[in-house]
Amino acid sequence: VNKNNIEIKSSNSKRVSTVEVEDKLEITAIAKTMLEKVNSLDFNIFNFKDEVEEREVFVLSSHLLQKHGLFQSCKIDPDVYFRFIKRIQDYYNPSWIEYHNKTHGTDVC
């Protein structure tokens, strides 16, 4: 398995499937470069938010799970996770609490 592919066992299937997480994220080359700096003080969450078109929760959390091999080691079905995290992202409502928004949540992540 290379670092762009993750092998998982689906809970409803005995076979192993390969998921290309980066393809599912649908991000630009610039966003990929930004993700390389995610553990650095040079990472700017606001620029990242703009580059990924306000999908920062989905993109960053999925990237981190992939980067640390958690889809595979925890046997997380990426498609199930993608639906789950997109739902969380969609429920962040900026009119409820201005500061504790999805960008702040992603930055804390």
C-alpha atoms as a PDB file:
ATOM      1  CA  VAL A   1       0.000   0.000   0.000  1.00  0.00           C
ATOM      2  CA  ASN A   2       1.456   3.377  -0.933  1.00  0.00           C
ATOM      3  CA  LYS A   3       0.747   6.511   1.084  1.00  0.00           C
ATOM      4  CA  ASN A   4      -2.036   7.642  -1.280  1.00  0.00           C
ATOM      5  CA  ASN A   5      -3.980   4.401  -0.934  1.00  0.00           C
ATOM      6  CA  ILE A   6      -5.545   2.847   2.102  1.00  0.00           C
ATOM      7  CA  GLU A   7      -6.567  -0.758   2.379  1.00  0.00           C
ATOM      8  CA  ILE A   8      -9.527  -1.432   4.611  1.00  0.00           C
ATOM      9  CA  LYS A   9     -11.831  -4.297   5.374  1.00  0.00           C
ATOM     10  CA  SER A  10     -15.396  -3.222   5.028  1.00  0.00           C
ATOM     11  CA  SER A  11     -17.592  -4.253   7.931  1.00  0.00           C
ATOM     12  CA  ASN A  12     -20.123  -5.705   5.500  1.00  0.00           C
ATOM     13  CA  SER A  13     -17.614  -7.473   3.272  1.00  0.00           C
ATOM     14  CA  LYS A  14     -14.731  -9.892   3.715  1.00  0.00           C
ATOM     15  CA  ARG A  15     -12.741  -8.445   0.835  1.00  0.00           C
ATOM     16  CA  VAL A  16     -10.192  -5.656   1.122  1.00  0.00           C
ATOM     17  CA  SER A  17     -10.873  -2.522  -0.921  1.00  0.00           C
ATOM     18  CA  THR A  18      -8.454   0.258  -1.831  1.00  0.00           C
ATOM     19  CA  VAL A  19      -9.582   3.840  -1.429  1.00  0.00           C
ATOM     20  CA  GLU A  20      -7.699   6.782  -2.820  1.00  0.00           C
ATOM     21  CA  VAL A  21      -8.486   9.340  -0.147  1.00  0.00           C
ATOM     22  CA  GLU A  22      -6.834  12.270  -1.874  1.00  0.00           C
ATOM     23  CA  ASP A  23      -9.006  11.763  -4.948  1.00  0.00           C
ATOM     24  CA  LYS A  24     -12.118  11.837  -2.762  1.00  0.00           C
ATOM     25  CA  LEU A  25     -11.000  15.126  -1.211  1.00  0.00           C
ATOM     26  CA  GLU A  26     -11.004  16.853  -4.608  1.00  0.00           C
ATOM     27  CA  ILE A  27      -8.405  19.459  -3.673  1.00  0.00           C
ATOM     28  CA  THR A  28      -6.025  21.615  -5.658  1.00  0.00           C
ATOM     29  CA  ALA A  29      -2.264  21.220  -5.831  1.00  0.00           C
ATOM     30  CA  ILE A  30      -2.015  24.343  -3.682  1.00  0.00           C
ATOM     31  CA  ALA A  31      -4.193  22.752  -0.984  1.00  0.00           C
ATOM     32  CA  LYS A  32      -2.026  19.610  -1.093  1.00  0.00           C
ATOM     33  CA  THR A  33       1.052  21.768  -0.565  1.00  0.00           C
ATOM     34  CA  MET A  34      -0.663  23.503   2.342  1.00  0.00           C
ATOM     35  CA  LEU A  35      -1.453  20.133   3.939  1.00  0.00           C
ATOM     36  CA  GLU A  36       2.261  19.301   3.935  1.00  0.00           C
ATOM     37  CA  LYS A  37       2.674  22.124   6.477  1.00  0.00           C
ATOM     38  CA  VAL A  38      -0.237  21.088   8.699  1.00  0.00           C
ATOM     39  CA  ASN A  39       2.057  20.316  11.667  1.00  0.00           C
ATOM     40  CA  SER A  40       3.954  23.564  11.255  1.00  0.00           C
ATOM     41  CA  LEU A  41       3.388  27.051  12.596  1.00  0.00           C
ATOM     42  CA  ASP A  42       3.424  28.087   8.926  1.00  0.00           C
ATOM     43  CA  PHE A  43       0.031  26.426   8.389  1.00  0.00           C
ATOM     44  CA  ASN A  44      -2.613  29.129   7.977  1.00  0.00           C
ATOM     45  CA  ILE A  45      -6.111  27.798   8.592  1.00  0.00           C
ATOM     46  CA  PHE A  46      -7.765  30.850   7.025  1.00  0.00           C
ATOM     47  CA  ASN A  47      -5.863  30.554   3.746  1.00  0.00           C
ATOM     48  CA  PHE A  48      -6.533  26.811   3.790  1.00  0.00           C
ATOM     49  CA  LYS A  49     -10.267  27.399   4.321  1.00  0.00           C
ATOM     50  CA  ASP A  50     -10.353  29.647   1.273  1.00  0.00           C
ATOM     51  CA  GLU A  51      -8.337  27.203  -0.850  1.00  0.00           C
ATOM     52  CA  VAL A  52     -10.612  24.246  -0.046  1.00  0.00           C
ATOM     53  CA  GLU A  53     -13.739  26.355  -0.531  1.00  0.00           C
ATOM     54  CA  GLU A  54     -14.860  26.204   3.109  1.00  0.00           C
ATOM     55  CA  ARG A  55     -14.611  22.400   3.308  1.00  0.00           C
ATOM     56  CA  GLU A  56     -11.843  22.622   5.900  1.00  0.00           C
ATOM     57  CA  VAL A  57     -13.407  20.212   8.418  1.00  0.00           C
ATOM     58  CA  PHE A  58     -13.878  17.485   5.813  1.00  0.00           C
ATOM     59  CA  VAL A  59     -10.538  17.918   4.046  1.00  0.00           C
ATOM     60  CA  LEU A  60      -8.243  18.342   7.051  1.00  0.00           C
ATOM     61  CA  SER A  61      -9.793  15.638   9.231  1.00  0.00           C
ATOM     62  CA  SER A  62      -9.818  13.142   6.344  1.00  0.00           C
ATOM     63  CA  HIS A  63      -6.219  14.008   5.502  1.00  0.00           C
ATOM     64  CA  LEU A  64      -5.108  13.486   9.105  1.00  0.00           C
ATOM     65  CA  LEU A  65      -6.824  10.108   9.388  1.00  0.00           C
ATOM     66  CA  GLN A  66      -5.197   9.042   6.119  1.00  0.00           C
ATOM     67  CA  LYS A  67      -1.786  10.458   7.040  1.00  0.00           C
ATOM     68  CA  HIS A  68      -1.682   8.594  10.349  1.00  0.00           C
ATOM     69  CA  GLY A  69      -3.089   5.352   8.940  1.00  0.00           C
ATOM     70  CA  LEU A  70      -6.220   5.493  11.070  1.00  0.00           C
ATOM     71  CA  PHE A  71      -8.624   4.415   8.339  1.00  0.00           C
ATOM     72  CA  GLN A  72      -6.714   1.152   8.135  1.00  0.00           C
ATOM     73  CA  SER A  73      -5.683   0.569  11.753  1.00  0.00           C
ATOM     74  CA  CYS A  74      -9.136   1.426  13.145  1.00  0.00           C
ATOM     75  CA  LYS A  75     -10.942  -0.283  10.249  1.00  0.00           C
ATOM     76  CA  ILE A  76     -12.877   2.859   9.373  1.00  0.00           C
ATOM     77  CA  ASP A  77     -14.744   2.698   6.097  1.00  0.00           C
ATOM     78  CA  PRO A  78     -13.714   5.967   4.394  1.00  0.00           C
ATOM     79  CA  ASP A  79     -17.049   6.402   2.632  1.00  0.00           C
ATOM     80  CA  VAL A  80     -18.919   6.125   5.936  1.00  0.00           C
ATOM     81  CA  TYR A  81     -16.473   8.569   7.525  1.00  0.00           C
ATOM     82  CA  PHE A  82     -16.826  11.012   4.624  1.00  0.00           C
ATOM     83  CA  ARG A  83     -20.611  11.069   5.014  1.00  0.00           C
ATOM     84  CA  PHE A  84     -20.252  11.485   8.794  1.00  0.00           C
ATOM     85  CA  ILE A  85     -17.734  14.339   8.688  1.00  0.00           C
ATOM     86  CA  LYS A  86     -19.575  16.148   5.885  1.00  0.00           C
ATOM     87  CA  ARG A  87     -22.687  16.080   8.051  1.00  0.00           C
ATOM     88  CA  ILE A  88     -20.785  17.563  10.984  1.00  0.00           C
ATOM     89  CA  GLN A  89     -19.318  20.232   8.712  1.00  0.00           C
ATOM     90  CA  ASP A  90     -22.750  21.085   7.323  1.00  0.00           C
ATOM     91  CA  TYR A  91     -24.216  21.531  10.813  1.00  0.00           C
ATOM     92  CA  TYR A  92     -21.785  24.270  11.789  1.00  0.00           C
ATOM     93  CA  ASN A  93     -23.966  27.361  11.638  1.00  0.00           C
ATOM     94  CA  PRO A  94     -22.063  30.674  11.674  1.00  0.00           C
ATOM     95  CA  SER A  95     -25.133  32.547  12.870  1.00  0.00           C
ATOM     96  CA  TRP A  96     -25.266  30.554  16.115  1.00  0.00           C
ATOM     97  CA  ILE A  97     -21.816  31.275  17.515  1.00  0.00           C
ATOM     98  CA  GLU A  98     -19.511  33.516  15.546  1.00  0.00           C
ATOM     99  CA  TYR A  99     -16.120  32.466  16.955  1.00  0.00           C
ATOM    100  CA  HIS A 100     -16.653  28.748  17.608  1.00  0.00           C
ATOM    101  CA  ASN A 101     -17.262  27.964  13.964  1.00  0.00           C
ATOM    102  CA  LYS A 102     -16.047  25.176  11.690  1.00  0.00           C
ATOM    103  CA  THR A 103     -12.778  26.985  10.953  1.00  0.00           C
ATOM    104  CA  HIS A 104     -12.012  27.270  14.666  1.00  0.00           C
ATOM    105  CA  GLY A 105     -12.918  23.604  15.160  1.00  0.00           C
ATOM    106  CA  THR A 106     -10.628  22.598  12.321  1.00  0.00           C
ATOM    107  CA  ASP A 107      -7.794  24.753  13.638  1.00  0.00           C
ATOM    108  CA  VAL A 108      -8.071  23.084  17.044  1.00  0.00           C
ATOM    109  CA  CYS A 109      -7.991  19.686  15.313  1.00  0.00           C
END
